Amino acid sequence: MTSRFALPAEDVLRAREKLVLDHFRDEVAHDWDATLSTFPHPHYEIIAQMVVHDGDSAVRQYYTDTRAAFPDQHHELISFRHSHDAVIVEFWLLGTHTGPLGKIPPTGGGHRTRMTAYFIFDEDENLVTERIYFDQLSVLKQVIGGIDRRKPSGLLRLLQVLRGMLAMSGGQPDPRLTNTSPPAL
């Protein structure tokens, strides 16, 4: 086992960074085959929602659902950091809510949300997890911000959004995200 204090060689860090940059580029291009090829087994953990998308079909469905809601979704990279087993990326995620997001109808509002993603690699340098952290309320506040609450149609849309949110809430968090153990320090 490699020490958690030892960084891999520079060529390994550069290869990881290239893979992550390719992953980001292919997501924006909606090239799902290329994006999924960066993993031997696709696995996303969306911490704000406490949801795991595991396997090719589950991750493809995640892409389909999020791009239906935000077809123009793209990133503005802020920074890259390396750890002994991960590339940590800070970025802005941007998009316009023009399609349904689960049971939440489109609002037409845009968002620019700061996020952090951990791209975690195994001992064979395979990407095994993309773990994403963000403030879900920040996204929601921005996408409903453009609804004109002075008009009856705006109030109706806001009510539909709230109903959709309530219909999607209350699910149990994925136990793979809650059943954690403290590290051996």
Protein backbone atom coordinates (compact mmCIF):
# COMPACT_ATOMS: atom_id res chain seq x y z
CA MET A 1 0.00 0.00 0.00
CA THR A 2 1.28 3.43 -0.95
CA SER A 3 1.67 6.02 1.76
CA ARG A 4 -1.04 8.65 1.78
CA PHE A 5 1.77 11.20 2.08
CA ALA A 6 3.57 10.16 -1.12
CA LEU A 7 2.56 11.62 -4.45
CA PRO A 8 3.02 9.51 -7.58
CA ALA A 9 5.66 10.43 -10.13
CA GLU A 10 5.09 13.47 -12.34
CA ASP A 11 4.31 11.35 -15.41
CA VAL A 12 1.51 9.61 -13.48
CA LEU A 13 0.07 12.94 -12.34
CA ARG A 14 0.23 14.29 -15.89
CA ALA A 15 -1.53 11.17 -17.24
CA ARG A 16 -4.27 11.50 -14.63
CA GLU A 17 -4.73 15.17 -15.42
CA LYS A 18 -4.98 14.46 -19.16
CA LEU A 19 -7.59 11.78 -18.54
CA VAL A 20 -9.65 14.17 -16.40
CA LEU A 21 -9.39 16.97 -18.97
CA ASP A 22 -10.46 14.54 -21.71
CA HIS A 23 -13.37 13.46 -19.49
CA PHE A 24 -14.52 17.07 -19.04
CA ARG A 25 -14.15 17.83 -22.77
CA ASP A 26 -16.11 14.73 -23.80
CA GLU A 27 -18.92 15.49 -21.33
CA VAL A 28 -19.41 18.97 -22.79
CA ALA A 29 -19.40 17.47 -26.31
CA HIS A 30 -22.00 14.88 -25.20
CA ASP A 31 -19.66 12.14 -26.41
CA TRP A 32 -20.81 9.59 -23.85
CA ASP A 33 -18.82 6.68 -25.32
CA ALA A 34 -15.59 8.66 -24.99
CA THR A 35 -16.51 9.94 -21.53
CA LEU A 36 -17.35 6.45 -20.28
CA SER A 37 -14.14 5.06 -21.75
CA THR A 38 -12.22 7.00 -19.08
CA PHE A 39 -13.51 4.44 -16.53
CA PRO A 40 -13.15 0.65 -16.55
CA HIS A 41 -16.47 0.72 -14.62
CA PRO A 42 -18.34 4.08 -14.62
CA HIS A 43 -19.22 5.26 -11.11
CA TYR A 44 -20.52 8.69 -10.06
CA GLU A 45 -21.33 9.81 -6.53
CA ILE A 46 -23.46 12.96 -6.33
CA ILE A 47 -23.04 13.98 -2.69
CA ALA A 48 -25.59 16.83 -2.66
CA GLN A 49 -28.29 14.31 -3.53
CA MET A 50 -26.65 11.32 -1.76
CA VAL A 51 -27.09 9.33 -4.99
CA VAL A 52 -24.78 6.85 -6.72
CA HIS A 53 -24.88 6.14 -10.45
CA ASP A 54 -23.03 2.85 -10.89
CA GLY A 55 -22.32 1.10 -14.16
CA ASP A 56 -22.56 2.01 -17.82
CA SER A 57 -26.37 2.14 -18.14
CA ALA A 58 -26.90 4.06 -14.87
CA VAL A 59 -24.29 6.68 -15.78
CA ARG A 60 -25.65 7.00 -19.33
CA GLN A 61 -29.11 7.61 -17.82
CA TYR A 62 -27.61 10.26 -15.52
CA TYR A 63 -26.10 11.98 -18.57
CA THR A 64 -29.40 11.73 -20.47
CA ASP A 65 -31.42 13.14 -17.57
CA THR A 66 -29.10 16.02 -16.72
CA ARG A 67 -28.59 17.04 -20.37
CA ALA A 68 -32.35 16.92 -20.99
CA ALA A 69 -32.68 19.44 -18.16
CA PHE A 70 -29.58 21.48 -19.07
CA PRO A 71 -28.70 20.81 -22.74
CA ASP A 72 -26.12 23.61 -22.79
CA GLN A 73 -24.36 22.41 -19.63
CA HIS A 74 -20.65 23.17 -19.62
CA HIS A 75 -17.75 23.88 -17.26
CA GLU A 76 -15.35 26.68 -16.47
CA LEU A 77 -12.32 25.15 -14.79
CA ILE A 78 -10.94 26.95 -11.74
CA SER A 79 -8.14 24.72 -10.44
CA PHE A 80 -6.57 21.26 -10.44
CA ARG A 81 -4.96 19.63 -7.42
CA HIS A 82 -3.36 16.25 -7.02
CA SER A 83 -3.35 13.84 -4.12
CA HIS A 84 -1.84 10.40 -3.76
CA ASP A 85 -4.97 8.80 -5.28
CA ALA A 86 -7.01 11.58 -6.88
CA VAL A 87 -7.26 14.64 -9.06
CA ILE A 88 -9.36 17.29 -7.33
CA VAL A 89 -10.99 19.78 -9.66
CA GLU A 90 -12.75 22.99 -8.76
CA PHE A 91 -14.99 24.33 -11.50
CA TRP A 92 -18.06 26.35 -12.32
CA LEU A 93 -20.93 24.34 -13.79
CA LEU A 94 -23.18 26.39 -16.03
CA GLY A 95 -26.42 25.62 -17.80
CA THR A 96 -29.91 26.76 -18.67
CA HIS A 97 -32.86 24.81 -17.28
CA THR A 98 -34.84 24.24 -20.50
CA GLY A 99 -36.03 20.67 -19.92
CA PRO A 100 -37.48 18.65 -17.05
CA LEU A 101 -35.16 17.73 -14.19
CA GLY A 102 -36.86 14.66 -12.80
CA LYS A 103 -40.28 15.92 -11.71
CA ILE A 104 -39.17 19.58 -11.74
CA PRO A 105 -40.46 21.34 -14.87
CA PRO A 106 -38.14 23.64 -16.84
CA THR A 107 -37.87 27.19 -15.54
CA GLY A 108 -35.79 28.74 -18.32
CA GLY A 109 -33.41 30.02 -15.66
CA GLY A 110 -29.67 29.64 -15.83
CA HIS A 111 -27.16 28.77 -13.16
CA ARG A 112 -23.45 29.14 -12.52
CA THR A 113 -22.56 26.93 -9.57
CA ARG A 114 -19.16 26.35 -8.00
CA MET A 115 -18.39 22.65 -7.61
CA THR A 116 -15.61 20.29 -6.60
CA ALA A 117 -15.09 16.86 -8.11
CA TYR A 118 -12.76 14.17 -6.84
CA PHE A 119 -11.56 11.87 -9.62
CA ILE A 120 -10.33 8.86 -7.64
CA PHE A 121 -7.83 6.36 -9.05
CA ASP A 122 -7.04 2.84 -7.90
CA GLU A 123 -3.59 1.32 -7.41
CA ASP A 124 -3.48 0.42 -11.14
CA GLU A 125 -4.19 4.04 -12.15
CA ASN A 126 -7.75 3.32 -13.27
CA LEU A 127 -10.36 6.00 -12.69
CA VAL A 128 -12.82 4.33 -10.31
CA THR A 129 -15.02 7.18 -9.04
CA GLU A 130 -16.07 10.70 -9.84
CA ARG A 131 -17.39 12.18 -6.58
CA ILE A 132 -19.07 15.56 -6.96
CA TYR A 133 -19.77 18.12 -4.22
CA PHE A 134 -21.95 21.21 -4.68
CA ASP A 135 -24.69 23.23 -3.01
CA GLN A 136 -27.96 22.03 -4.51
CA LEU A 137 -29.86 25.02 -3.09
CA SER A 138 -27.56 27.38 -4.99
CA VAL A 139 -28.59 25.74 -8.27
CA LEU A 140 -32.27 25.86 -7.36
CA LYS A 141 -32.18 29.50 -6.26
CA GLN A 142 -30.62 30.48 -9.55
CA VAL A 143 -32.91 28.49 -11.86
CA ILE A 144 -36.11 29.73 -10.17
CA GLY A 145 -34.77 33.28 -9.87
CA GLY A 146 -35.99 34.13 -13.36
CA ILE A 147 -39.59 33.12 -12.72
CA ASP A 148 -41.75 36.24 -12.67
CA ARG A 149 -43.73 35.81 -9.45
CA ARG A 150 -45.83 38.89 -10.24
CA LYS A 151 -47.63 37.04 -13.04
CA PRO A 152 -50.12 34.21 -12.53
CA SER A 153 -48.18 32.05 -15.01
CA GLY A 154 -45.01 32.61 -12.97
CA LEU A 155 -46.75 31.67 -9.73
CA LEU A 156 -48.12 28.54 -11.40
CA ARG A 157 -44.64 27.60 -12.64
CA LEU A 158 -43.20 28.15 -9.15
CA LEU A 159 -45.90 25.92 -7.66
CA GLN A 160 -45.09 23.23 -10.25
CA VAL A 161 -41.39 23.46 -9.34
CA LEU A 162 -42.17 23.12 -5.63
CA ARG A 163 -44.44 20.12 -6.27
CA GLY A 164 -41.72 18.52 -8.36
CA MET A 165 -39.15 19.08 -5.63
CA LEU A 166 -41.42 17.58 -2.99
CA ALA A 167 -42.13 14.56 -5.20
CA MET A 168 -38.38 13.96 -5.54
CA SER A 169 -37.53 14.47 -1.87
CA GLY A 170 -37.65 12.03 0.98
CA GLY A 171 -35.75 9.18 -0.63
CA GLN A 172 -33.20 7.26 1.37
CA PRO A 173 -29.54 8.16 0.80
CA ASP A 174 -27.44 5.51 -0.89
CA PRO A 175 -25.85 3.45 1.91
CA ARG A 176 -22.54 3.40 0.00
CA LEU A 177 -22.33 7.10 0.87
CA THR A 178 -23.49 6.87 4.48
CA ASN A 179 -21.82 3.68 5.72
CA THR A 180 -18.35 5.12 6.07
CA SER A 181 -15.45 4.34 8.36
CA PRO A 182 -12.89 6.78 9.72
CA PRO A 183 -9.43 6.50 8.21
CA ALA A 184 -6.63 4.73 10.06
CA LEU A 185 -4.33 7.64 10.84
